[in-house]
């Protein structure tokens, strides 16, 4: 294999690797955004649950065990 062919092959591989890395990075950014939204939703639900427990006067000691 000639030197020029080897260099062309390496450049081709590098281009595909750059494209793959960019695609993976884009996917990671999108997943991070989803994760952040889910964390915000979980915190909001947790606060809402605490508000409802306080509103109805439910104390942790008054909650029936899970098997009931």
C-alpha atoms as a PDB file:
ATOM      1  CA  UNK A   1       0.000   0.000   0.000  1.00  0.00           C
ATOM      2  CA  UNK A   2       1.423   3.355  -0.979  1.00  0.00           C
ATOM      3  CA  UNK A   3       1.978   6.175   1.458  1.00  0.00           C
ATOM      4  CA  UNK A   4      -0.698   8.304  -0.220  1.00  0.00           C
ATOM      5  CA  UNK A   5      -3.251   5.501   0.039  1.00  0.00           C
ATOM      6  CA  UNK A   6      -2.439   4.993   3.715  1.00  0.00           C
ATOM      7  CA  UNK A   7      -2.806   8.713   4.407  1.00  0.00           C
ATOM      8  CA  UNK A   8      -6.117   8.828   2.517  1.00  0.00           C
ATOM      9  CA  UNK A   9      -7.341   5.831   4.523  1.00  0.00           C
ATOM     10  CA  UNK A  10      -6.339   7.494   7.802  1.00  0.00           C
ATOM     11  CA  UNK A  11      -8.040  10.749   6.795  1.00  0.00           C
ATOM     12  CA  UNK A  12     -11.211   8.837   5.928  1.00  0.00           C
ATOM     13  CA  UNK A  13     -11.182   7.045   9.269  1.00  0.00           C
ATOM     14  CA  UNK A  14     -10.592  10.312  11.086  1.00  0.00           C
ATOM     15  CA  UNK A  15     -13.536  11.941   9.323  1.00  0.00           C
ATOM     16  CA  UNK A  16     -15.839   9.065  10.294  1.00  0.00           C
ATOM     17  CA  UNK A  17     -14.557   9.140  13.876  1.00  0.00           C
ATOM     18  CA  UNK A  18     -15.142  12.889  14.099  1.00  0.00           C
ATOM     19  CA  UNK A  19     -18.685  12.403  12.819  1.00  0.00           C
ATOM     20  CA  UNK A  20     -19.321   9.592  15.305  1.00  0.00           C
ATOM     21  CA  UNK A  21     -17.957  11.618  18.204  1.00  0.00           C
ATOM     22  CA  UNK A  22     -20.169  14.574  17.257  1.00  0.00           C
ATOM     23  CA  UNK A  23     -23.236  12.323  17.000  1.00  0.00           C
ATOM     24  CA  UNK A  24     -22.509  10.793  20.398  1.00  0.00           C
ATOM     25  CA  UNK A  25     -21.984  14.230  21.906  1.00  0.00           C
ATOM     26  CA  UNK A  26     -25.294  15.480  20.492  1.00  0.00           C
ATOM     27  CA  UNK A  27     -27.084  12.453  21.944  1.00  0.00           C
ATOM     28  CA  UNK A  28     -25.421  12.961  25.318  1.00  0.00           C
ATOM     29  CA  UNK A  29     -26.491  16.609  25.408  1.00  0.00           C
ATOM     30  CA  UNK A  30     -30.072  15.621  24.600  1.00  0.00           C
ATOM     31  CA  UNK A  31     -30.091  12.949  27.317  1.00  0.00           C
ATOM     32  CA  UNK A  32     -28.709  15.438  29.843  1.00  0.00           C
ATOM     33  CA  UNK A  33     -31.550  17.839  29.054  1.00  0.00           C
ATOM     34  CA  UNK A  34     -34.103  15.048  29.534  1.00  0.00           C
ATOM     35  CA  UNK A  35     -32.461  14.062  32.811  1.00  0.00           C
ATOM     36  CA  UNK A  36     -32.569  17.640  34.078  1.00  0.00           C
ATOM     37  CA  UNK A  37     -36.274  17.933  33.204  1.00  0.00           C
ATOM     38  CA  UNK A  38     -37.006  14.655  34.986  1.00  0.00           C
ATOM     39  CA  UNK A  39     -35.112  15.799  38.082  1.00  0.00           C
ATOM     40  CA  UNK A  40     -37.141  19.013  38.157  1.00  0.00           C
ATOM     41  CA  UNK A  41     -40.374  17.016  37.834  1.00  0.00           C
ATOM     42  CA  UNK A  42     -39.377  14.654  40.653  1.00  0.00           C
ATOM     43  CA  UNK A  43     -38.552  17.593  42.924  1.00  0.00           C
ATOM     44  CA  UNK A  44     -41.905  19.225  42.101  1.00  0.00           C
ATOM     45  CA  UNK A  45     -43.773  15.992  42.814  1.00  0.00           C
ATOM     46  CA  UNK A  46     -41.905  15.581  46.080  1.00  0.00           C
ATOM     47  CA  UNK A  47     -42.814  19.101  47.169  1.00  0.00           C
ATOM     48  CA  UNK A  48     -46.432  18.520  46.143  1.00  0.00           C
ATOM     49  CA  UNK A  49     -46.567  15.307  48.153  1.00  0.00           C
ATOM     50  CA  UNK A  50     -45.188  17.086  51.207  1.00  0.00           C
ATOM     51  CA  UNK A  51     -47.781  19.844  50.776  1.00  0.00           C
ATOM     52  CA  UNK A  52     -50.598  17.321  50.543  1.00  0.00           C
ATOM     53  CA  UNK A  53     -49.374  15.438  53.589  1.00  0.00           C
ATOM     54  CA  UNK A  54     -49.258  18.698  55.527  1.00  0.00           C
ATOM     55  CA  UNK A  55     -52.666  19.739  54.227  1.00  0.00           C
ATOM     56  CA  UNK A  56     -54.351  16.540  55.330  1.00  0.00           C
ATOM     57  CA  UNK A  57     -52.344  16.253  58.514  1.00  0.00           C
ATOM     58  CA  UNK A  58     -50.862  12.905  57.622  1.00  0.00           C
ATOM     59  CA  UNK A  59     -47.931  12.108  59.840  1.00  0.00           C
ATOM     60  CA  UNK A  60     -45.427   9.424  58.959  1.00  0.00           C
ATOM     61  CA  UNK A  61     -46.420   7.549  62.146  1.00  0.00           C
ATOM     62  CA  UNK A  62     -50.096   7.528  61.085  1.00  0.00           C
ATOM     63  CA  UNK A  63     -49.454   6.023  57.650  1.00  0.00           C
ATOM     64  CA  UNK A  64     -50.481   2.355  57.483  1.00  0.00           C
ATOM     65  CA  UNK A  65     -47.757  -0.118  56.582  1.00  0.00           C
ATOM     66  CA  UNK A  66     -47.440  -0.908  52.869  1.00  0.00           C
ATOM     67  CA  UNK A  67     -48.944  -4.387  53.222  1.00  0.00           C
ATOM     68  CA  UNK A  68     -52.380  -2.997  54.192  1.00  0.00           C
END
